[in-house]
Amino acid sequence: MPSHNATDPLLAPLDLAGAFVSFDALHTVRSNLDWLVVRKNAHYLAVAKHNQPKLRAFLAALPWSEIPTADITRDRGHGREETRTLKVATVDHLDFPHAAQAIRIGRWRRQKGRTASRETVYAITDATAEQASPALLADLARGQWHIEIKQHYVRDVTFGEDSSTSRTGRGPAVLALFRATVADTLRAAGHRSIPAGRLAHKTATAALDLHGFP
């Protein structure tokens, strides 16, 4: 079966049999999910956001108030508190390849000096309840969340990539490479917070020192 998803060439050489693959909502498309299960014999955890409005609406309309919370995790450190709750429901005849369970994740987060925030995220997986426990699904979702915080949030919010007006030629790719280099260099220098690291290197001399220029 031909595939039209950009992730497939990256995953094709890998042995993914029995593995779980998670990704952000951009890649939650039918051909991608079917390819992972049929061609790679893998499992998926796929987030549903507004790029799949019908899927997200279906998941949001499930009777979650009648479904007990299956997993709760709490993290605290570096002035941040976060609580995540997970509910899981078996689904039949969902119009997405091989979908067996629907997932709702509630996130409550408070950063020191900031107002607490709440977020609800929906996802689907082909794994049955016997193949993936709520604790495993929570671990997979948490791993994906960490990727989003470290990569996508930094690029979209801290560096304003989504609002960039560069749209022609190789400009966007070059700028994305520069942003990624700056973020990785700041982390290597010991900065846990990219915004704070940028503030600490506002002068030309500090920026050059950070990147090892004499």
N, C-alpha and C. Protein backbone atom coordinates (compact mmCIF):
# COMPACT_ATOMS: atom_id res chain seq x y z
N MET A 1 0.85 -1.19 0.00
CA MET A 1 0.00 0.00 0.00
C MET A 1 0.89 1.24 0.00
N PRO A 2 0.72 2.14 -0.96
CA PRO A 2 1.57 3.33 -1.00
C PRO A 2 1.29 4.25 0.15
N SER A 3 2.31 4.94 0.60
CA SER A 3 2.16 5.87 1.72
C SER A 3 2.49 7.26 1.25
N HIS A 4 1.78 8.24 1.83
CA HIS A 4 2.00 9.63 1.46
C HIS A 4 2.38 10.46 2.67
N ASN A 5 2.85 9.82 3.74
CA ASN A 5 3.17 10.56 4.94
C ASN A 5 4.67 10.78 5.02
N ALA A 6 5.06 11.98 5.44
CA ALA A 6 6.48 12.34 5.44
C ALA A 6 7.28 11.55 6.47
N THR A 7 6.62 10.97 7.49
CA THR A 7 7.36 10.24 8.52
C THR A 7 7.76 8.85 8.05
N ASP A 8 7.08 8.30 7.05
CA ASP A 8 7.33 6.91 6.67
C ASP A 8 8.76 6.64 6.22
N PRO A 9 9.38 7.50 5.40
CA PRO A 9 10.78 7.22 5.02
C PRO A 9 11.72 7.18 6.21
N LEU A 10 11.41 7.92 7.27
CA LEU A 10 12.27 7.91 8.46
C LEU A 10 12.10 6.62 9.25
N LEU A 11 10.88 6.09 9.27
CA LEU A 11 10.59 4.92 10.09
C LEU A 11 10.77 3.61 9.34
N ALA A 12 10.75 3.67 8.00
CA ALA A 12 10.79 2.45 7.19
C ALA A 12 11.97 1.54 7.52
N PRO A 13 13.20 2.05 7.74
CA PRO A 13 14.32 1.14 8.00
C PRO A 13 14.30 0.50 9.39
N LEU A 14 13.45 0.97 10.27
CA LEU A 14 13.48 0.52 11.67
C LEU A 14 12.61 -0.71 11.88
N ASP A 15 13.07 -1.57 12.78
CA ASP A 15 12.26 -2.72 13.21
C ASP A 15 11.34 -2.25 14.32
N LEU A 16 10.07 -2.04 14.01
CA LEU A 16 9.12 -1.50 14.97
C LEU A 16 8.11 -2.53 15.46
N ALA A 17 8.34 -3.80 15.16
CA ALA A 17 7.40 -4.83 15.55
C ALA A 17 7.16 -4.81 17.06
N GLY A 18 5.90 -4.61 17.44
CA GLY A 18 5.54 -4.59 18.85
C GLY A 18 5.82 -3.30 19.56
N ALA A 19 6.48 -2.34 18.89
CA ALA A 19 6.80 -1.07 19.52
C ALA A 19 5.62 -0.11 19.44
N PHE A 20 5.63 0.89 20.33
CA PHE A 20 4.63 1.94 20.31
C PHE A 20 5.26 3.20 19.71
N VAL A 21 4.56 3.79 18.76
CA VAL A 21 5.02 5.01 18.11
C VAL A 21 4.03 6.12 18.44
N SER A 22 4.52 7.23 18.98
CA SER A 22 3.66 8.38 19.27
C SER A 22 4.17 9.57 18.49
N PHE A 23 3.26 10.49 18.20
CA PHE A 23 3.63 11.67 17.41
C PHE A 23 2.60 12.75 17.65
N ASP A 24 2.91 13.97 17.21
CA ASP A 24 1.98 15.06 17.43
C ASP A 24 0.83 14.97 16.42
N ALA A 25 -0.14 15.85 16.58
CA ALA A 25 -1.39 15.74 15.83
C ALA A 25 -1.22 15.89 14.32
N LEU A 26 -0.16 16.56 13.89
CA LEU A 26 0.06 16.77 12.46
C LEU A 26 0.10 15.45 11.70
N HIS A 27 0.60 14.39 12.35
CA HIS A 27 0.77 13.11 11.68
C HIS A 27 -0.36 12.13 11.97
N THR A 28 -1.43 12.58 12.62
CA THR A 28 -2.58 11.73 12.86
C THR A 28 -3.44 11.71 11.60
N VAL A 29 -3.05 10.90 10.66
CA VAL A 29 -3.77 10.73 9.40
C VAL A 29 -3.95 9.23 9.15
N ARG A 30 -5.00 8.88 8.46
CA ARG A 30 -5.35 7.47 8.29
C ARG A 30 -4.24 6.65 7.65
N SER A 31 -3.63 7.17 6.59
CA SER A 31 -2.61 6.40 5.89
C SER A 31 -1.41 6.11 6.78
N ASN A 32 -1.06 7.06 7.63
CA ASN A 32 0.08 6.87 8.53
C ASN A 32 -0.23 5.78 9.56
N LEU A 33 -1.40 5.85 10.17
CA LEU A 33 -1.76 4.87 11.20
C LEU A 33 -1.87 3.47 10.61
N ASP A 34 -2.49 3.37 9.43
CA ASP A 34 -2.64 2.07 8.79
C ASP A 34 -1.27 1.49 8.42
N TRP A 35 -0.38 2.34 7.92
CA TRP A 35 0.96 1.89 7.54
C TRP A 35 1.72 1.35 8.75
N LEU A 36 1.63 2.03 9.88
CA LEU A 36 2.33 1.58 11.08
C LEU A 36 1.87 0.21 11.53
N VAL A 37 0.55 -0.01 11.51
CA VAL A 37 0.01 -1.28 12.00
C VAL A 37 0.21 -2.40 10.99
N VAL A 38 -0.12 -2.15 9.72
CA VAL A 38 -0.10 -3.21 8.71
C VAL A 38 1.32 -3.51 8.22
N ARG A 39 2.07 -2.46 7.90
CA ARG A 39 3.39 -2.66 7.30
C ARG A 39 4.50 -2.85 8.33
N LYS A 40 4.39 -2.16 9.46
CA LYS A 40 5.46 -2.21 10.45
C LYS A 40 5.10 -3.05 11.68
N ASN A 41 3.87 -3.54 11.75
CA ASN A 41 3.45 -4.37 12.89
C ASN A 41 3.68 -3.66 14.22
N ALA A 42 3.46 -2.34 14.22
CA ALA A 42 3.68 -1.52 15.41
C ALA A 42 2.34 -1.07 15.98
N HIS A 43 2.40 -0.46 17.14
CA HIS A 43 1.23 0.18 17.76
C HIS A 43 1.42 1.70 17.69
N TYR A 44 0.32 2.42 17.72
CA TYR A 44 0.41 3.88 17.70
C TYR A 44 -0.37 4.49 18.85
N LEU A 45 0.08 5.66 19.26
CA LEU A 45 -0.65 6.56 20.14
C LEU A 45 -0.74 7.88 19.40
N ALA A 46 -1.93 8.23 18.92
CA ALA A 46 -2.10 9.36 18.02
C ALA A 46 -2.96 10.43 18.67
N VAL A 47 -2.43 11.63 18.79
CA VAL A 47 -3.15 12.75 19.38
C VAL A 47 -4.13 13.32 18.35
N ALA A 48 -5.32 13.68 18.82
CA ALA A 48 -6.35 14.25 17.95
C ALA A 48 -6.59 15.70 18.34
N LYS A 49 -6.26 16.61 17.42
CA LYS A 49 -6.50 18.03 17.66
C LYS A 49 -7.38 18.58 16.55
N HIS A 50 -7.34 19.89 16.34
CA HIS A 50 -8.31 20.51 15.45
C HIS A 50 -8.02 20.27 13.98
N ASN A 51 -6.86 19.66 13.65
CA ASN A 51 -6.65 19.29 12.25
C ASN A 51 -7.46 18.05 11.88
N GLN A 52 -8.02 17.36 12.88
CA GLN A 52 -8.95 16.26 12.67
C GLN A 52 -10.23 16.58 13.46
N PRO A 53 -11.00 17.56 12.99
CA PRO A 53 -12.14 18.04 13.78
C PRO A 53 -13.21 16.99 14.07
N LYS A 54 -13.50 16.12 13.10
CA LYS A 54 -14.53 15.10 13.32
C LYS A 54 -14.07 14.08 14.35
N LEU A 55 -12.81 13.68 14.25
CA LEU A 55 -12.27 12.73 15.23
C LEU A 55 -12.26 13.34 16.62
N ARG A 56 -11.79 14.57 16.73
CA ARG A 56 -11.74 15.21 18.04
C ARG A 56 -13.13 15.40 18.62
N ALA A 57 -14.09 15.78 17.77
CA ALA A 57 -15.47 15.96 18.25
C ALA A 57 -16.06 14.64 18.74
N PHE A 58 -15.77 13.56 18.02
CA PHE A 58 -16.25 12.24 18.44
C PHE A 58 -15.67 11.87 19.80
N LEU A 59 -14.37 12.07 19.96
CA LEU A 59 -13.73 11.71 21.22
C LEU A 59 -14.23 12.59 22.37
N ALA A 60 -14.40 13.88 22.11
CA ALA A 60 -14.86 14.79 23.16
C ALA A 60 -16.28 14.46 23.61
N ALA A 61 -17.09 13.88 22.70
CA ALA A 61 -18.49 13.60 23.01
C ALA A 61 -18.70 12.28 23.76
N LEU A 62 -17.65 11.51 23.93
CA LEU A 62 -17.79 10.25 24.68
C LEU A 62 -18.19 10.56 26.13
N PRO A 63 -18.90 9.65 26.78
CA PRO A 63 -19.39 9.91 28.15
C PRO A 63 -18.29 9.83 29.20
N TRP A 64 -17.34 10.76 29.14
CA TRP A 64 -16.18 10.69 30.03
C TRP A 64 -16.55 10.83 31.50
N SER A 65 -17.64 11.54 31.78
CA SER A 65 -18.04 11.71 33.19
C SER A 65 -18.43 10.38 33.83
N GLU A 66 -18.78 9.41 33.01
CA GLU A 66 -19.16 8.09 33.52
C GLU A 66 -17.99 7.12 33.56
N ILE A 67 -16.85 7.55 33.07
CA ILE A 67 -15.67 6.68 32.99
C ILE A 67 -14.71 7.03 34.12
N PRO A 68 -14.32 6.07 34.92
CA PRO A 68 -13.43 6.38 36.06
C PRO A 68 -12.03 6.74 35.60
N THR A 69 -11.36 7.54 36.39
CA THR A 69 -9.97 7.88 36.13
C THR A 69 -9.11 6.63 36.31
N ALA A 70 -8.28 6.34 35.31
CA ALA A 70 -7.48 5.11 35.32
C ALA A 70 -6.06 5.34 35.79
N ASP A 71 -5.57 6.58 35.68
CA ASP A 71 -4.18 6.83 36.07
C ASP A 71 -4.03 8.30 36.46
N ILE A 72 -3.28 8.56 37.51
CA ILE A 72 -2.97 9.92 37.94
C ILE A 72 -1.47 9.99 38.18
N THR A 73 -0.83 11.00 37.61
CA THR A 73 0.60 11.22 37.85
C THR A 73 0.80 12.67 38.26
N ARG A 74 1.74 12.89 39.16
CA ARG A 74 2.04 14.24 39.66
C ARG A 74 3.54 14.47 39.60
N ASP A 75 3.90 15.63 39.11
CA ASP A 75 5.31 16.03 39.05
C ASP A 75 5.47 17.38 39.74
N ARG A 76 6.59 17.54 40.42
CA ARG A 76 6.87 18.82 41.09
C ARG A 76 8.38 19.05 41.06
N GLY A 77 8.76 20.26 40.75
CA GLY A 77 10.18 20.60 40.74
C GLY A 77 10.46 21.84 39.94
N HIS A 78 11.51 22.57 40.33
CA HIS A 78 11.92 23.79 39.63
C HIS A 78 10.78 24.80 39.54
N GLY A 79 10.04 24.92 40.64
CA GLY A 79 8.97 25.90 40.69
C GLY A 79 7.74 25.55 39.88
N ARG A 80 7.61 24.28 39.50
CA ARG A 80 6.50 23.86 38.67
C ARG A 80 5.78 22.68 39.30
N GLU A 81 4.46 22.72 39.24
CA GLU A 81 3.63 21.61 39.67
C GLU A 81 2.76 21.17 38.50
N GLU A 82 2.61 19.87 38.32
CA GLU A 82 1.79 19.38 37.23
C GLU A 82 1.09 18.09 37.65
N THR A 83 -0.19 18.01 37.36
CA THR A 83 -0.99 16.81 37.61
C THR A 83 -1.65 16.38 36.32
N ARG A 84 -1.54 15.10 35.98
CA ARG A 84 -2.15 14.57 34.78
C ARG A 84 -3.08 13.42 35.14
N THR A 85 -4.29 13.47 34.63
CA THR A 85 -5.24 12.39 34.83
C THR A 85 -5.56 11.76 33.48
N LEU A 86 -5.73 10.45 33.47
CA LEU A 86 -5.98 9.73 32.22
C LEU A 86 -7.19 8.84 32.36
N LYS A 87 -8.07 8.92 31.37
CA LYS A 87 -9.22 8.03 31.26
C LYS A 87 -9.13 7.31 29.93
N VAL A 88 -9.59 6.04 29.92
CA VAL A 88 -9.53 5.23 28.71
C VAL A 88 -10.88 4.58 28.48
N ALA A 89 -11.29 4.53 27.20
CA ALA A 89 -12.56 3.89 26.84
C ALA A 89 -12.35 3.02 25.61
N THR A 90 -12.91 1.83 25.62
CA THR A 90 -12.89 0.97 24.43
C THR A 90 -13.85 1.55 23.39
N VAL A 91 -13.42 1.60 22.15
CA VAL A 91 -14.26 2.17 21.08
C VAL A 91 -14.43 1.14 19.96
N ASP A 92 -15.61 1.11 19.39
CA ASP A 92 -15.91 0.23 18.26
C ASP A 92 -16.33 1.08 17.06
N HIS A 93 -15.95 0.63 15.88
CA HIS A 93 -16.40 1.25 14.63
C HIS A 93 -15.97 2.72 14.52
N LEU A 94 -14.85 3.07 15.11
CA LEU A 94 -14.31 4.41 14.93
C LEU A 94 -13.68 4.50 13.54
N ASP A 95 -13.95 5.58 12.84
CA ASP A 95 -13.51 5.72 11.46
C ASP A 95 -12.04 6.12 11.37
N PHE A 96 -11.19 5.37 12.08
CA PHE A 96 -9.75 5.52 11.96
C PHE A 96 -9.14 4.13 12.04
N PRO A 97 -8.14 3.83 11.22
CA PRO A 97 -7.64 2.47 11.09
C PRO A 97 -7.22 1.84 12.42
N HIS A 98 -7.85 0.70 12.71
CA HIS A 98 -7.43 -0.17 13.80
C HIS A 98 -7.64 0.43 15.20
N ALA A 99 -8.31 1.57 15.31
CA ALA A 99 -8.49 2.22 16.62
C ALA A 99 -9.26 1.30 17.56
N ALA A 100 -8.71 1.09 18.75
CA ALA A 100 -9.33 0.20 19.73
C ALA A 100 -9.68 0.90 21.03
N GLN A 101 -8.94 1.96 21.37
CA GLN A 101 -9.20 2.67 22.62
C GLN A 101 -9.13 4.17 22.39
N ALA A 102 -9.98 4.89 23.10
CA ALA A 102 -9.96 6.35 23.12
C ALA A 102 -9.39 6.79 24.45
N ILE A 103 -8.67 7.89 24.45
CA ILE A 103 -7.96 8.35 25.64
C ILE A 103 -8.25 9.83 25.86
N ARG A 104 -8.52 10.17 27.10
CA ARG A 104 -8.63 11.59 27.47
C ARG A 104 -7.63 11.88 28.57
N ILE A 105 -6.82 12.90 28.34
CA ILE A 105 -5.79 13.28 29.32
C ILE A 105 -6.08 14.71 29.78
N GLY A 106 -6.21 14.88 31.07
CA GLY A 106 -6.38 16.20 31.65
C GLY A 106 -5.08 16.65 32.29
N ARG A 107 -4.64 17.86 31.96
CA ARG A 107 -3.38 18.38 32.50
C ARG A 107 -3.66 19.66 33.27
N TRP A 108 -3.22 19.67 34.50
CA TRP A 108 -3.28 20.88 35.34
C TRP A 108 -1.83 21.25 35.63
N ARG A 109 -1.49 22.51 35.35
CA ARG A 109 -0.09 22.92 35.47
C ARG A 109 -0.01 24.30 36.10
N ARG A 110 0.92 24.46 37.03
CA ARG A 110 1.14 25.75 37.66
C ARG A 110 2.63 26.02 37.76
N GLN A 111 3.03 27.13 37.19
CA GLN A 111 4.41 27.58 37.26
C GLN A 111 4.49 28.70 38.29
N LYS A 112 5.55 28.71 39.07
CA LYS A 112 5.70 29.73 40.11
C LYS A 112 5.56 31.13 39.51
N GLY A 113 4.68 31.92 40.12
CA GLY A 113 4.47 33.29 39.66
C GLY A 113 3.50 33.42 38.51
N ARG A 114 2.90 32.29 38.07
CA ARG A 114 1.96 32.32 36.95
C ARG A 114 0.63 31.71 37.35
N THR A 115 -0.40 32.04 36.61
CA THR A 115 -1.72 31.47 36.85
C THR A 115 -1.74 30.01 36.40
N ALA A 116 -2.40 29.18 37.17
CA ALA A 116 -2.51 27.77 36.82
C ALA A 116 -3.27 27.61 35.50
N SER A 117 -2.91 26.59 34.73
CA SER A 117 -3.57 26.34 33.45
C SER A 117 -4.08 24.91 33.40
N ARG A 118 -5.15 24.73 32.61
CA ARG A 118 -5.72 23.41 32.41
C ARG A 118 -5.81 23.12 30.92
N GLU A 119 -5.61 21.87 30.55
CA GLU A 119 -5.69 21.46 29.15
C GLU A 119 -6.24 20.05 29.07
N THR A 120 -7.09 19.81 28.07
CA THR A 120 -7.61 18.47 27.82
C THR A 120 -7.14 18.01 26.46
N VAL A 121 -6.55 16.84 26.41
CA VAL A 121 -6.01 16.28 25.17
C VAL A 121 -6.67 14.93 24.92
N TYR A 122 -7.04 14.69 23.66
CA TYR A 122 -7.64 13.41 23.27
C TYR A 122 -6.69 12.66 22.36
N ALA A 123 -6.75 11.32 22.44
CA ALA A 123 -5.88 10.49 21.62
C ALA A 123 -6.57 9.16 21.35
N ILE A 124 -6.03 8.44 20.39
CA ILE A 124 -6.50 7.10 20.09
C ILE A 124 -5.30 6.16 19.99
N THR A 125 -5.55 4.88 20.17
CA THR A 125 -4.52 3.87 20.01
C THR A 125 -5.14 2.60 19.45
N ASP A 126 -4.35 1.88 18.69
CA ASP A 126 -4.81 0.59 18.18
C ASP A 126 -4.67 -0.50 19.23
N ALA A 127 -3.91 -0.27 20.27
CA ALA A 127 -3.67 -1.27 21.30
C ALA A 127 -4.93 -1.50 22.13
N THR A 128 -5.22 -2.74 22.39
CA THR A 128 -6.35 -3.08 23.25
C THR A 128 -5.98 -2.91 24.71
N ALA A 129 -6.97 -3.03 25.58
CA ALA A 129 -6.71 -2.90 27.02
C ALA A 129 -5.74 -3.98 27.50
N GLU A 130 -5.77 -5.13 26.86
CA GLU A 130 -4.85 -6.21 27.25
C GLU A 130 -3.43 -5.90 26.79
N GLN A 131 -3.28 -5.15 25.72
CA GLN A 131 -1.95 -4.85 25.18
C GLN A 131 -1.32 -3.61 25.80
N ALA A 132 -2.16 -2.70 26.31
CA ALA A 132 -1.62 -1.44 26.85
C ALA A 132 -2.42 -1.04 28.07
N SER A 133 -1.79 -1.07 29.22
CA SER A 133 -2.45 -0.67 30.46
C SER A 133 -2.55 0.85 30.51
N PRO A 134 -3.43 1.38 31.36
CA PRO A 134 -3.49 2.84 31.53
C PRO A 134 -2.15 3.45 31.93
N ALA A 135 -1.40 2.75 32.77
CA ALA A 135 -0.09 3.26 33.19
C ALA A 135 0.85 3.38 32.00
N LEU A 136 0.83 2.40 31.09
CA LEU A 136 1.69 2.46 29.91
C LEU A 136 1.26 3.60 29.01
N LEU A 137 -0.04 3.75 28.80
CA LEU A 137 -0.53 4.84 27.96
C LEU A 137 -0.16 6.20 28.55
N ALA A 138 -0.23 6.30 29.88
CA ALA A 138 0.16 7.55 30.53
C ALA A 138 1.64 7.85 30.33
N ASP A 139 2.48 6.81 30.41
CA ASP A 139 3.92 6.99 30.19
C ASP A 139 4.20 7.44 28.75
N LEU A 140 3.50 6.83 27.79
CA LEU A 140 3.69 7.21 26.39
C LEU A 140 3.27 8.65 26.15
N ALA A 141 2.13 9.03 26.70
CA ALA A 141 1.63 10.39 26.53
C ALA A 141 2.56 11.39 27.20
N ARG A 142 3.11 11.04 28.36
CA ARG A 142 4.02 11.93 29.07
C ARG A 142 5.30 12.11 28.26
N GLY A 143 5.78 11.05 27.65
CA GLY A 143 6.97 11.16 26.82
C GLY A 143 6.75 12.08 25.63
N GLN A 144 5.57 11.97 25.00
CA GLN A 144 5.24 12.85 23.89
C GLN A 144 5.12 14.29 24.36
N TRP A 145 4.55 14.50 25.54
CA TRP A 145 4.39 15.84 26.10
C TRP A 145 5.75 16.49 26.33
N HIS A 146 6.71 15.71 26.84
CA HIS A 146 8.06 16.25 27.08
C HIS A 146 8.70 16.68 25.76
N ILE A 147 8.47 15.90 24.70
CA ILE A 147 9.02 16.28 23.39
C ILE A 147 8.42 17.59 22.93
N GLU A 148 7.10 17.73 23.11
CA GLU A 148 6.44 18.96 22.69
C GLU A 148 6.96 20.17 23.46
N ILE A 149 7.15 19.99 24.77
CA ILE A 149 7.63 21.10 25.59
C ILE A 149 9.05 21.50 25.19
N LYS A 150 9.92 20.50 24.99
CA LYS A 150 11.33 20.79 24.72
C LYS A 150 11.57 21.27 23.29
N GLN A 151 10.74 20.80 22.36
CA GLN A 151 10.99 21.13 20.97
C GLN A 151 9.94 22.08 20.40
N HIS A 152 8.71 21.62 20.28
CA HIS A 152 7.69 22.41 19.58
C HIS A 152 7.36 23.70 20.32
N TYR A 153 7.20 23.63 21.64
CA TYR A 153 6.85 24.84 22.39
C TYR A 153 7.96 25.88 22.27
N VAL A 154 9.20 25.41 22.41
CA VAL A 154 10.33 26.35 22.32
C VAL A 154 10.37 27.01 20.95
N ARG A 155 10.17 26.22 19.89
CA ARG A 155 10.24 26.78 18.55
C ARG A 155 9.05 27.68 18.24
N ASP A 156 7.85 27.24 18.65
CA ASP A 156 6.64 27.99 18.29
C ASP A 156 6.45 29.23 19.15
N VAL A 157 6.75 29.13 20.45
CA VAL A 157 6.46 30.23 21.37
C VAL A 157 7.70 31.06 21.66
N THR A 158 8.77 30.41 22.14
CA THR A 158 9.96 31.16 22.51
C THR A 158 10.60 31.86 21.31
N PHE A 159 10.70 31.15 20.19
CA PHE A 159 11.32 31.72 19.00
C PHE A 159 10.29 32.28 18.00
N GLY A 160 9.02 32.15 18.31
CA GLY A 160 7.98 32.72 17.44
C GLY A 160 7.96 32.17 16.03
N GLU A 161 8.26 30.86 15.89
CA GLU A 161 8.35 30.29 14.55
C GLU A 161 7.02 30.34 13.80
N ASP A 162 5.91 30.11 14.52
CA ASP A 162 4.61 30.12 13.85
C ASP A 162 4.27 31.48 13.26
N SER A 163 4.76 32.56 13.88
CA SER A 163 4.44 33.91 13.42
C SER A 163 5.48 34.47 12.46
N SER A 164 6.48 33.66 12.12
CA SER A 164 7.52 34.12 11.21
C SER A 164 6.92 34.44 9.84
N THR A 165 7.40 35.53 9.23
CA THR A 165 6.89 35.93 7.92
C THR A 165 7.73 35.37 6.78
N SER A 166 8.77 34.60 7.11
CA SER A 166 9.61 34.00 6.07
C SER A 166 8.89 32.79 5.49
N ARG A 167 8.56 32.85 4.20
CA ARG A 167 7.77 31.79 3.58
C ARG A 167 8.34 31.33 2.24
N THR A 168 9.40 31.95 1.77
CA THR A 168 9.88 31.65 0.42
C THR A 168 11.23 30.96 0.43
N GLY A 169 11.45 30.17 -0.61
CA GLY A 169 12.74 29.51 -0.79
C GLY A 169 13.13 28.64 0.39
N ARG A 170 14.41 28.66 0.70
CA ARG A 170 14.93 27.85 1.81
C ARG A 170 15.02 28.64 3.10
N GLY A 171 14.49 29.86 3.07
CA GLY A 171 14.54 30.71 4.26
C GLY A 171 13.98 30.06 5.51
N PRO A 172 12.75 29.50 5.48
CA PRO A 172 12.19 28.89 6.68
C PRO A 172 13.05 27.76 7.23
N ALA A 173 13.60 26.93 6.35
CA ALA A 173 14.44 25.81 6.80
C ALA A 173 15.73 26.31 7.44
N VAL A 174 16.32 27.33 6.85
CA VAL A 174 17.57 27.88 7.40
C VAL A 174 17.32 28.51 8.77
N LEU A 175 16.23 29.27 8.89
CA LEU A 175 15.91 29.89 10.17
C LEU A 175 15.60 28.83 11.23
N ALA A 176 14.90 27.78 10.84
CA ALA A 176 14.60 26.70 11.79
C ALA A 176 15.88 26.03 12.28
N LEU A 177 16.86 25.88 11.38
CA LEU A 177 18.14 25.30 11.77
C LEU A 177 18.87 26.19 12.77
N PHE A 178 18.85 27.51 12.52
CA PHE A 178 19.49 28.44 13.45
C PHE A 178 18.82 28.38 14.83
N ARG A 179 17.48 28.36 14.84
CA ARG A 179 16.76 28.31 16.13
C ARG A 179 17.10 27.03 16.90
N ALA A 180 17.11 25.90 16.20
CA ALA A 180 17.43 24.63 16.84
C ALA A 180 18.85 24.64 17.39
N THR A 181 19.78 25.24 16.64
CA THR A 181 21.17 25.31 17.09
C THR A 181 21.30 26.14 18.36
N VAL A 182 20.62 27.28 18.39
CA VAL A 182 20.66 28.13 19.58
C VAL A 182 20.10 27.39 20.78
N ALA A 183 18.95 26.72 20.62
CA ALA A 183 18.33 26.01 21.74
C ALA A 183 19.23 24.89 22.24
N ASP A 184 19.79 24.10 21.32
CA ASP A 184 20.67 23.00 21.73
C ASP A 184 21.93 23.51 22.42
N THR A 185 22.47 24.63 21.95
CA THR A 185 23.68 25.20 22.56
C THR A 185 23.38 25.69 23.97
N LEU A 186 22.22 26.31 24.15
CA LEU A 186 21.85 26.79 25.48
C LEU A 186 21.67 25.62 26.44
N ARG A 187 21.05 24.55 25.98
CA ARG A 187 20.89 23.37 26.85
C ARG A 187 22.25 22.77 27.20
N ALA A 188 23.14 22.69 26.21
CA ALA A 188 24.47 22.13 26.46
C ALA A 188 25.25 22.99 27.45
N ALA A 189 24.94 24.28 27.49
CA ALA A 189 25.62 25.19 28.42
C ALA A 189 25.00 25.15 29.82
N GLY A 190 23.97 24.32 30.00
CA GLY A 190 23.38 24.14 31.32
C GLY A 190 22.11 24.92 31.58
N HIS A 191 21.54 25.56 30.58
CA HIS A 191 20.31 26.33 30.77
C HIS A 191 19.09 25.43 30.63
N ARG A 192 18.35 25.26 31.70
CA ARG A 192 17.12 24.46 31.65
C ARG A 192 15.99 25.24 30.99
N SER A 193 16.03 26.55 31.10
CA SER A 193 15.01 27.41 30.51
C SER A 193 15.60 28.14 29.31
N ILE A 194 15.04 27.91 28.12
CA ILE A 194 15.55 28.57 26.92
C ILE A 194 15.31 30.07 26.97
N PRO A 195 14.13 30.56 27.38
CA PRO A 195 13.95 32.02 27.47
C PRO A 195 14.96 32.68 28.40
N ALA A 196 15.20 32.06 29.57
CA ALA A 196 16.17 32.63 30.51
C ALA A 196 17.58 32.59 29.92
N GLY A 197 17.90 31.51 29.19
CA GLY A 197 19.21 31.43 28.56
C GLY A 197 19.42 32.50 27.51
N ARG A 198 18.36 32.80 26.76
CA ARG A 198 18.47 33.86 25.75
C ARG A 198 18.69 35.22 26.42
N LEU A 199 17.99 35.46 27.51
CA LEU A 199 18.15 36.73 28.22
C LEU A 199 19.56 36.88 28.76
N ALA A 200 20.18 35.75 29.12
CA ALA A 200 21.54 35.81 29.67
C ALA A 200 22.58 36.04 28.59
N HIS A 201 22.18 36.01 27.33
CA HIS A 201 23.14 36.19 26.22
C HIS A 201 22.61 37.22 25.23
N LYS A 202 22.14 38.34 25.75
CA LYS A 202 21.56 39.37 24.89
C LYS A 202 22.62 40.19 24.16
N THR A 203 23.78 40.33 24.76
CA THR A 203 24.83 41.14 24.11
C THR A 203 25.55 40.32 23.06
N ALA A 204 26.14 41.00 22.10
CA ALA A 204 26.88 40.31 21.04
C ALA A 204 28.03 39.49 21.60
N THR A 205 28.74 40.06 22.60
CA THR A 205 29.87 39.35 23.20
C THR A 205 29.43 38.06 23.87
N ALA A 206 28.33 38.12 24.63
CA ALA A 206 27.83 36.92 25.31
C ALA A 206 27.38 35.86 24.31
N ALA A 207 26.73 36.30 23.24
CA ALA A 207 26.26 35.36 22.23
C ALA A 207 27.43 34.67 21.53
N LEU A 208 28.47 35.43 21.19
CA LEU A 208 29.63 34.85 20.56
C LEU A 208 30.36 33.89 21.49
N ASP A 209 30.45 34.24 22.76
CA ASP A 209 31.09 33.35 23.74
C ASP A 209 30.31 32.04 23.86
N LEU A 210 28.98 32.13 23.84
CA LEU A 210 28.15 30.94 23.98
C LEU A 210 28.46 29.93 22.87
N HIS A 211 28.63 30.43 21.66
CA HIS A 211 28.84 29.54 20.52
C HIS A 211 30.32 29.28 20.23
N GLY A 212 31.21 29.74 21.12
CA GLY A 212 32.61 29.40 21.01
C GLY A 212 33.40 30.21 20.04
N PHE A 213 32.87 31.38 19.67
CA PHE A 213 33.64 32.23 18.76
C PHE A 213 34.61 33.11 19.57
N PRO A 214 35.85 33.26 19.09
CA PRO A 214 36.84 34.06 19.84
C PRO A 214 36.49 35.55 19.80
